[in-house]
N, C-alpha and C. Protein backbone atom coordinates (compact mmCIF):
# COMPACT_ATOMS: atom_id res chain seq x y z
N MET A 1 0.76 -1.20 0.01
CA MET A 1 -0.02 0.04 0.01
C MET A 1 0.87 1.28 -0.04
N SER A 2 0.38 2.23 -0.56
CA SER A 2 1.17 3.47 -0.67
C SER A 2 0.59 4.51 0.18
N TYR A 3 1.45 5.26 0.85
CA TYR A 3 0.97 6.36 1.72
C TYR A 3 1.51 7.61 1.29
N SER A 4 0.97 8.85 1.80
CA SER A 4 1.30 10.16 1.37
C SER A 4 2.53 10.68 2.19
N ASP A 5 3.29 11.48 1.48
CA ASP A 5 4.33 12.26 2.18
C ASP A 5 3.74 13.65 2.58
N LEU A 6 4.45 14.10 3.58
CA LEU A 6 4.24 15.54 3.93
C LEU A 6 4.89 16.57 2.93
N GLU A 7 4.05 17.29 2.32
CA GLU A 7 4.61 18.27 1.29
C GLU A 7 4.12 19.63 1.59
N ILE A 8 5.05 20.61 1.73
CA ILE A 8 4.71 21.99 2.11
C ILE A 8 5.60 22.90 1.24
N SER A 9 5.14 23.86 0.73
CA SER A 9 5.86 24.87 -0.08
C SER A 9 5.39 26.30 0.59
N ARG A 10 6.37 27.06 0.79
CA ARG A 10 6.08 28.42 1.28
C ARG A 10 7.18 29.43 0.82
N ASN A 11 6.73 30.63 0.58
CA ASN A 11 7.58 31.72 0.17
C ASN A 11 7.84 32.62 1.27
N PHE A 12 9.08 33.15 1.33
CA PHE A 12 9.54 33.99 2.39
C PHE A 12 10.03 35.32 1.66
N SER A 13 9.91 36.46 2.32
CA SER A 13 10.35 37.72 1.76
C SER A 13 11.76 38.01 2.22
N ALA A 14 12.68 37.09 1.72
CA ALA A 14 14.03 37.22 2.23
C ALA A 14 14.94 36.56 1.09
N PRO A 15 16.13 37.16 0.83
CA PRO A 15 17.10 36.36 -0.06
C PRO A 15 17.38 34.81 0.35
N ILE A 16 17.81 34.08 -0.63
CA ILE A 16 18.05 32.63 -0.29
C ILE A 16 19.05 32.47 0.79
N GLU A 17 20.10 33.35 0.58
CA GLU A 17 21.21 33.03 1.57
C GLU A 17 20.82 33.37 3.03
N LYS A 18 20.01 34.48 3.25
CA LYS A 18 19.48 34.69 4.52
C LYS A 18 18.49 33.66 5.10
N THR A 19 17.65 33.20 4.17
CA THR A 19 16.66 32.09 4.62
C THR A 19 17.38 30.81 4.93
N TYR A 20 18.46 30.56 4.12
CA TYR A 20 19.16 29.20 4.44
C TYR A 20 19.99 29.43 5.72
N ALA A 21 20.53 30.49 5.95
CA ALA A 21 21.31 30.79 7.21
C ALA A 21 20.49 30.61 8.38
N ALA A 22 19.15 30.87 8.32
CA ALA A 22 18.19 30.65 9.45
C ALA A 22 18.23 29.18 9.86
N PHE A 23 18.52 28.23 8.99
CA PHE A 23 18.61 26.89 9.32
C PHE A 23 20.04 26.42 9.63
N SER A 24 21.03 27.16 9.19
CA SER A 24 22.43 26.50 9.20
C SER A 24 23.25 27.36 10.29
N ASN A 25 22.63 28.29 11.00
CA ASN A 25 23.25 29.06 12.02
C ASN A 25 22.50 28.75 13.41
N PRO A 26 23.15 28.21 14.35
CA PRO A 26 22.56 27.76 15.59
C PRO A 26 21.87 28.92 16.29
N GLU A 27 22.51 30.18 16.38
CA GLU A 27 21.90 31.34 17.02
C GLU A 27 20.68 31.65 16.31
N GLN A 28 20.60 31.57 14.95
CA GLN A 28 19.30 31.92 14.24
C GLN A 28 18.28 30.81 14.41
N LEU A 29 18.65 29.55 14.22
CA LEU A 29 17.76 28.53 14.26
C LEU A 29 17.04 28.46 15.63
N SER A 30 17.71 28.74 16.72
CA SER A 30 17.12 28.66 18.03
C SER A 30 16.09 29.75 18.29
N GLN A 31 16.03 30.73 17.45
CA GLN A 31 15.12 31.90 17.62
C GLN A 31 13.78 31.60 17.01
N TRP A 32 13.62 30.61 16.14
CA TRP A 32 12.33 30.41 15.50
C TRP A 32 11.85 29.01 15.41
N TRP A 33 12.77 27.91 15.49
CA TRP A 33 12.24 26.58 15.17
C TRP A 33 11.37 26.03 16.28
N GLY A 34 10.38 25.37 15.97
CA GLY A 34 9.51 24.56 16.81
C GLY A 34 8.04 25.06 16.86
N PRO A 35 7.39 24.29 17.62
CA PRO A 35 5.90 24.66 17.71
C PRO A 35 5.71 26.01 18.40
N SER A 36 4.46 26.57 18.18
CA SER A 36 4.27 27.83 18.81
C SER A 36 4.17 27.60 20.35
N GLY A 37 4.78 28.54 21.11
CA GLY A 37 4.80 28.45 22.54
C GLY A 37 6.11 27.72 23.09
N PHE A 38 6.84 27.14 22.20
CA PHE A 38 8.04 26.38 22.61
C PHE A 38 9.33 27.20 22.36
N GLU A 39 10.35 27.03 23.24
CA GLU A 39 11.68 27.66 23.02
C GLU A 39 12.61 26.52 22.63
N MET A 40 13.47 26.76 21.70
CA MET A 40 14.45 25.84 21.30
C MET A 40 15.81 26.12 21.99
N GLU A 41 16.37 24.99 22.65
CA GLU A 41 17.70 25.08 23.28
C GLU A 41 18.56 24.01 22.48
N ILE A 42 19.63 24.48 21.77
CA ILE A 42 20.44 23.57 21.06
C ILE A 42 21.54 23.05 21.97
N LYS A 43 21.76 21.74 22.01
CA LYS A 43 22.78 21.11 22.75
C LYS A 43 24.02 20.85 21.95
N THR A 44 23.77 20.35 20.68
CA THR A 44 24.91 19.98 19.75
C THR A 44 24.47 20.52 18.43
N PHE A 45 25.52 21.15 17.81
CA PHE A 45 25.26 21.70 16.38
C PHE A 45 26.36 21.41 15.58
N GLU A 46 26.38 20.20 14.85
CA GLU A 46 27.32 19.75 14.02
C GLU A 46 26.82 19.80 12.59
N PHE A 47 27.00 20.96 12.00
CA PHE A 47 26.34 21.23 10.63
C PHE A 47 27.13 20.72 9.54
N TYR A 48 27.25 19.49 9.31
CA TYR A 48 27.90 18.85 8.19
C TYR A 48 27.42 17.49 8.01
N PRO A 49 27.58 16.91 6.70
CA PRO A 49 27.08 15.58 6.52
C PRO A 49 27.57 14.59 7.54
N GLY A 50 26.72 13.88 8.14
CA GLY A 50 27.02 12.87 9.26
C GLY A 50 27.01 13.53 10.63
N GLY A 51 26.78 14.89 10.67
CA GLY A 51 26.79 15.63 12.02
C GLY A 51 25.31 15.54 12.55
N MET A 52 25.18 16.07 13.76
CA MET A 52 23.92 15.94 14.39
C MET A 52 23.60 17.39 15.01
N VAL A 53 22.37 17.73 14.89
CA VAL A 53 21.79 18.81 15.57
C VAL A 53 20.92 18.27 16.68
N HIS A 54 21.28 18.42 17.93
CA HIS A 54 20.45 17.88 19.05
C HIS A 54 19.91 18.96 19.86
N PHE A 55 18.69 18.91 20.17
CA PHE A 55 18.07 20.02 20.78
C PHE A 55 16.87 19.62 21.66
N VAL A 56 16.46 20.57 22.54
CA VAL A 56 15.25 20.30 23.24
C VAL A 56 14.27 21.48 23.00
N LEU A 57 13.00 21.23 22.86
CA LEU A 57 11.98 22.21 22.75
C LEU A 57 11.41 22.30 24.07
N ARG A 58 11.47 23.43 24.68
CA ARG A 58 10.92 23.67 26.03
C ARG A 58 9.66 24.34 26.01
N GLY A 59 8.58 23.57 26.44
CA GLY A 59 7.15 24.17 26.22
C GLY A 59 6.60 24.63 27.57
N PRO A 60 5.43 25.07 27.52
CA PRO A 60 4.73 25.61 28.72
C PRO A 60 4.59 24.38 29.82
N ASN A 61 4.62 24.82 30.96
CA ASN A 61 4.42 23.92 32.14
C ASN A 61 5.49 22.85 32.19
N GLY A 62 6.70 23.18 31.73
CA GLY A 62 7.87 22.23 31.91
C GLY A 62 7.76 21.05 30.98
N PHE A 63 6.98 21.13 29.89
CA PHE A 63 6.92 20.00 28.96
C PHE A 63 8.03 20.17 27.97
N ASP A 64 9.01 19.24 27.98
CA ASP A 64 10.21 19.29 27.13
C ASP A 64 10.08 18.27 26.06
N ILE A 65 10.45 18.47 24.81
CA ILE A 65 10.57 17.59 23.76
C ILE A 65 11.96 17.64 23.17
N TRP A 66 12.67 16.41 23.42
CA TRP A 66 14.03 16.32 22.94
C TRP A 66 13.88 15.69 21.52
N ALA A 67 14.79 16.23 20.59
CA ALA A 67 14.84 15.68 19.29
C ALA A 67 16.24 15.89 18.62
N LYS A 68 16.46 15.34 17.56
CA LYS A 68 17.67 15.53 16.71
C LYS A 68 17.51 15.42 15.30
N TRP A 69 18.37 16.02 14.58
CA TRP A 69 18.59 15.84 13.17
C TRP A 69 19.94 15.16 12.82
N VAL A 70 19.91 14.20 12.18
CA VAL A 70 21.23 13.67 11.54
C VAL A 70 21.34 14.23 10.22
N ILE A 71 22.27 14.95 9.91
CA ILE A 71 22.45 15.50 8.68
C ILE A 71 23.01 14.56 7.52
N ARG A 72 22.24 14.44 6.52
CA ARG A 72 22.65 13.64 5.41
C ARG A 72 23.18 14.32 4.28
N GLU A 73 22.60 15.38 3.78
CA GLU A 73 23.05 16.19 2.60
C GLU A 73 22.96 17.70 2.97
N ILE A 74 24.03 18.40 2.41
CA ILE A 74 23.93 19.94 2.42
C ILE A 74 24.50 20.35 1.13
N GLU A 75 23.68 21.28 0.55
CA GLU A 75 24.21 21.95 -0.72
C GLU A 75 23.75 23.36 -0.55
N GLU A 76 24.72 24.09 0.16
CA GLU A 76 24.35 25.51 0.56
C GLU A 76 24.35 26.44 -0.62
N PRO A 77 23.34 27.25 -0.95
CA PRO A 77 22.18 27.43 -0.01
C PRO A 77 20.88 26.83 -0.49
N SER A 78 20.94 25.71 -1.26
CA SER A 78 19.80 25.19 -1.93
C SER A 78 19.19 24.01 -1.42
N ARG A 79 19.91 23.17 -0.60
CA ARG A 79 19.31 21.95 -0.15
C ARG A 79 19.82 21.52 1.16
N LEU A 80 18.94 20.89 2.01
CA LEU A 80 19.30 20.26 3.25
C LEU A 80 18.49 19.04 3.46
N GLN A 81 19.17 17.96 3.83
CA GLN A 81 18.30 16.71 4.05
C GLN A 81 18.88 16.12 5.44
N VAL A 82 17.86 15.86 6.18
CA VAL A 82 18.15 15.32 7.63
C VAL A 82 17.29 14.10 7.85
N ILE A 83 17.69 13.29 8.79
CA ILE A 83 16.97 12.28 9.43
C ILE A 83 16.45 12.93 10.78
N ASN A 84 15.20 13.10 10.88
CA ASN A 84 14.55 13.71 12.02
C ASN A 84 13.98 12.73 12.94
N SER A 85 14.25 12.88 14.27
CA SER A 85 13.77 11.91 15.20
C SER A 85 13.68 12.45 16.55
N PHE A 86 12.89 11.82 17.46
CA PHE A 86 12.93 12.19 18.84
C PHE A 86 14.09 11.68 19.50
N SER A 87 14.51 12.16 20.71
CA SER A 87 15.76 11.69 21.31
C SER A 87 15.53 11.74 22.75
N ASN A 88 16.54 11.29 23.52
CA ASN A 88 16.64 11.54 24.91
C ASN A 88 17.66 12.62 25.14
N PRO A 89 17.89 13.07 26.38
CA PRO A 89 18.90 14.05 26.70
C PRO A 89 20.25 13.78 26.24
N VAL A 90 20.59 12.49 26.08
CA VAL A 90 22.02 12.29 25.62
C VAL A 90 22.16 12.06 24.13
N GLY A 91 21.01 12.21 23.43
CA GLY A 91 21.06 12.10 21.96
C GLY A 91 20.69 10.75 21.27
N GLU A 92 20.35 9.88 22.13
CA GLU A 92 19.94 8.55 21.53
C GLU A 92 18.52 8.69 21.02
N THR A 93 18.24 8.05 19.76
CA THR A 93 16.88 8.02 19.22
C THR A 93 15.94 7.28 20.03
N VAL A 94 14.73 7.83 20.38
CA VAL A 94 13.81 7.09 21.18
C VAL A 94 12.43 7.37 20.44
N PRO A 95 11.37 6.49 20.80
CA PRO A 95 10.18 6.57 20.21
C PRO A 95 9.46 7.96 20.62
N ALA A 96 8.59 8.46 19.74
CA ALA A 96 7.84 9.72 20.01
C ALA A 96 7.03 9.51 21.24
N PRO A 97 6.67 10.56 21.97
CA PRO A 97 5.66 10.39 23.13
C PRO A 97 4.36 9.87 22.58
N GLU A 98 3.80 8.85 23.17
CA GLU A 98 2.54 8.30 22.70
C GLU A 98 1.50 9.32 22.64
N ILE A 99 1.44 10.33 23.64
CA ILE A 99 0.47 11.34 23.57
C ILE A 99 1.25 12.58 23.19
N PRO A 100 1.09 13.17 22.10
CA PRO A 100 -0.02 13.09 21.17
C PRO A 100 0.31 12.19 19.94
N PHE A 101 1.46 11.60 19.65
CA PHE A 101 1.83 11.17 18.49
C PHE A 101 1.17 9.58 18.23
N GLY A 102 1.05 8.84 19.17
CA GLY A 102 0.56 7.48 19.07
C GLY A 102 1.71 6.54 19.01
N LYS A 103 1.50 5.26 19.48
CA LYS A 103 2.50 4.25 19.75
C LYS A 103 3.22 3.89 18.47
N ASP A 104 2.55 4.02 17.22
CA ASP A 104 3.16 3.64 16.03
C ASP A 104 3.85 4.77 15.22
N TRP A 105 4.08 5.91 15.83
CA TRP A 105 4.73 7.06 15.09
C TRP A 105 6.05 6.55 14.57
N PRO A 106 6.47 6.97 13.39
CA PRO A 106 7.78 6.51 12.93
C PRO A 106 8.87 6.92 13.86
N LEU A 107 9.87 6.04 13.93
CA LEU A 107 11.08 6.36 14.84
C LEU A 107 11.92 7.42 14.08
N GLU A 108 12.02 7.31 12.83
CA GLU A 108 12.84 8.27 12.09
C GLU A 108 12.06 8.76 10.83
N MET A 109 12.16 9.96 10.53
CA MET A 109 11.62 10.65 9.29
C MET A 109 12.70 11.32 8.54
N VAL A 110 12.77 11.18 7.11
CA VAL A 110 13.41 11.99 6.33
C VAL A 110 12.75 13.30 6.24
N MET A 111 13.56 14.44 6.21
CA MET A 111 13.09 15.80 5.93
C MET A 111 13.97 16.41 4.93
N ASN A 112 13.50 16.59 3.73
CA ASN A 112 14.07 17.33 2.76
C ASN A 112 13.71 18.78 2.69
N LEU A 113 14.69 19.69 2.54
CA LEU A 113 14.36 21.08 2.39
C LEU A 113 15.13 21.56 1.22
N GLU A 114 14.32 22.10 0.15
CA GLU A 114 14.86 22.70 -0.99
C GLU A 114 14.51 24.27 -0.93
N PHE A 115 15.55 25.03 -1.21
CA PHE A 115 15.46 26.48 -1.14
C PHE A 115 15.61 27.02 -2.71
N TYR A 116 14.69 27.88 -3.14
CA TYR A 116 14.66 28.44 -4.45
C TYR A 116 14.45 29.93 -4.42
N GLN A 117 15.40 30.78 -5.06
CA GLN A 117 15.28 32.09 -5.24
C GLN A 117 14.34 32.41 -6.39
N ASP A 118 13.34 33.26 -6.00
CA ASP A 118 12.35 33.60 -7.00
C ASP A 118 12.00 35.14 -6.97
N GLY A 119 12.92 35.91 -7.62
CA GLY A 119 12.72 37.41 -7.62
C GLY A 119 13.24 37.74 -6.16
N ASP A 120 12.45 38.56 -5.49
CA ASP A 120 12.72 38.93 -4.09
C ASP A 120 12.31 37.90 -3.03
N LEU A 121 11.71 36.80 -3.40
CA LEU A 121 11.31 35.79 -2.57
C LEU A 121 12.18 34.58 -2.56
N THR A 122 12.17 33.80 -1.45
CA THR A 122 12.83 32.48 -1.35
C THR A 122 11.59 31.52 -1.14
N ARG A 123 11.55 30.52 -1.92
CA ARG A 123 10.59 29.41 -1.73
C ARG A 123 11.23 28.21 -1.01
N ILE A 124 10.56 27.70 -0.01
CA ILE A 124 11.19 26.49 0.62
C ILE A 124 10.08 25.41 0.31
N ASP A 125 10.62 24.34 -0.17
CA ASP A 125 9.78 23.10 -0.42
C ASP A 125 10.26 22.04 0.56
N LEU A 126 9.33 21.78 1.47
CA LEU A 126 9.66 20.71 2.46
C LEU A 126 9.04 19.46 2.13
N VAL A 127 9.59 18.37 2.12
CA VAL A 127 8.99 17.00 1.94
C VAL A 127 9.53 16.14 3.07
N SER A 128 8.61 15.56 3.74
CA SER A 128 9.09 14.56 4.83
C SER A 128 8.20 13.22 4.76
N PHE A 129 8.92 12.18 5.15
CA PHE A 129 8.36 10.79 5.11
C PHE A 129 8.98 9.88 5.99
N PRO A 130 8.33 8.87 6.47
CA PRO A 130 8.96 7.89 7.44
C PRO A 130 10.18 7.25 6.73
N HIS A 131 11.21 7.03 7.52
CA HIS A 131 12.43 6.49 7.10
C HIS A 131 12.43 5.08 7.66
N GLN A 132 12.55 4.03 6.70
CA GLN A 132 12.63 2.64 7.10
C GLN A 132 11.64 2.22 8.19
N ALA A 133 10.39 2.59 7.90
CA ALA A 133 9.32 2.38 8.90
C ALA A 133 8.43 1.29 8.48
N PRO A 134 7.82 0.56 9.51
CA PRO A 134 6.84 -0.44 9.22
C PRO A 134 5.55 0.16 8.68
N GLU A 135 4.72 -0.58 8.03
CA GLU A 135 3.44 -0.12 7.44
C GLU A 135 2.59 0.62 8.42
N ALA A 136 2.45 0.16 9.62
CA ALA A 136 1.64 0.85 10.67
C ALA A 136 2.16 2.29 10.92
N SER A 137 3.46 2.44 10.87
CA SER A 137 4.05 3.88 11.10
C SER A 137 3.82 4.70 9.89
N GLN A 138 3.87 4.12 8.63
CA GLN A 138 3.68 4.90 7.44
C GLN A 138 2.16 5.37 7.42
N LYS A 139 1.32 4.44 7.73
CA LYS A 139 -0.08 4.75 7.76
C LYS A 139 -0.44 5.91 8.76
N LEU A 140 0.11 5.83 10.01
CA LEU A 140 -0.18 6.74 10.94
C LEU A 140 0.40 8.16 10.59
N PHE A 141 1.57 8.12 10.12
CA PHE A 141 2.16 9.39 9.54
C PHE A 141 1.26 10.08 8.41
N SER A 142 0.86 9.24 7.42
CA SER A 142 -0.02 9.62 6.37
C SER A 142 -1.35 10.20 6.89
N GLU A 143 -1.88 9.51 8.03
CA GLU A 143 -3.15 10.03 8.58
C GLU A 143 -3.07 11.33 9.32
N ASN A 144 -1.85 11.75 9.65
CA ASN A 144 -1.54 12.95 10.47
C ASN A 144 -1.01 14.10 9.63
N LEU A 145 -1.16 14.04 8.31
CA LEU A 145 -0.61 15.04 7.49
C LEU A 145 -1.17 16.45 7.76
N SER A 146 -2.44 16.64 8.06
CA SER A 146 -3.03 17.95 8.38
C SER A 146 -2.55 18.49 9.69
N ASN A 147 -2.28 17.57 10.60
CA ASN A 147 -1.68 17.96 11.84
C ASN A 147 -0.33 18.55 11.75
N MET A 148 0.50 17.86 10.90
CA MET A 148 1.88 18.31 10.58
C MET A 148 1.93 19.57 9.86
N GLN A 149 0.93 19.66 8.83
CA GLN A 149 0.88 20.97 8.21
C GLN A 149 0.61 22.14 8.99
N GLN A 150 -0.30 21.90 9.93
CA GLN A 150 -0.67 22.94 10.90
C GLN A 150 0.62 23.17 11.76
N GLY A 151 1.36 22.26 12.23
CA GLY A 151 2.39 22.52 13.03
C GLY A 151 3.57 23.19 12.29
N PHE A 152 3.71 22.83 11.05
CA PHE A 152 4.75 23.59 10.25
C PHE A 152 4.30 24.86 9.86
N LYS A 153 3.01 25.22 9.79
CA LYS A 153 2.56 26.56 9.47
C LYS A 153 2.95 27.47 10.54
N GLY A 154 2.89 27.08 11.87
CA GLY A 154 3.29 27.93 13.01
C GLY A 154 4.77 28.02 12.99
N THR A 155 5.54 26.93 12.67
CA THR A 155 7.02 27.16 12.63
C THR A 155 7.39 28.04 11.51
N PHE A 156 6.81 27.92 10.29
CA PHE A 156 7.16 28.74 9.25
C PHE A 156 6.69 30.18 9.48
N ASP A 157 5.57 30.37 10.18
CA ASP A 157 5.10 31.64 10.50
C ASP A 157 6.20 32.42 11.36
N ALA A 158 6.79 31.66 12.27
CA ALA A 158 7.88 32.16 13.12
C ALA A 158 9.19 32.51 12.41
N LEU A 159 9.53 31.61 11.35
CA LEU A 159 10.59 31.88 10.38
C LEU A 159 10.29 33.20 9.72
N GLU A 160 9.11 33.36 9.27
CA GLU A 160 8.77 34.54 8.52
C GLU A 160 8.98 35.74 9.36
N LYS A 161 8.45 35.77 10.49
CA LYS A 161 8.60 36.81 11.52
C LYS A 161 10.20 37.02 11.74
N PHE A 162 10.95 36.00 11.99
CA PHE A 162 12.34 36.13 12.19
C PHE A 162 13.05 36.81 11.02
N LEU A 163 12.78 36.41 9.83
CA LEU A 163 13.38 37.00 8.66
C LEU A 163 13.16 38.34 8.49
N LYS A 164 11.93 38.80 8.99
CA LYS A 164 11.58 40.27 8.83
C LYS A 164 12.21 41.13 9.86
N GLY A 165 12.59 40.46 10.94
CA GLY A 165 13.14 41.22 12.12
C GLY A 165 14.50 41.79 12.05
């Protein structure tokens, strides 16, 4: 059976170099990445293929979400590919919290980001999908596309605000 990938395209009123730097610079990334109401604290920032970006998203009422990106590909300023997963405080990959994600949430997801200059705008095309996941995980991911789109809308709204600041 075939399931759908998460696909999001969004335009930003900033040059491609500035938009890409918001992902590749830890001081910039920590100012906007994550769900609305959460603050990002970066623990490790190894921005090269094979490197890891390990962070915690600190939410209201002491709710922390640990996560990491293992960087697979970098083509500055046009492409970034990472394996995105939840982690523990020492950076080991762990299952997603069952609430709100569900017990079958994929352990790892590929996240491709493509950056395109279009006049005065930069377009980001994000595509994400489960990485080496069983069918139940692929199905759950596909069933939650609208939730992920809503989450990335908030994250990209924060990026847009950051780029204008």
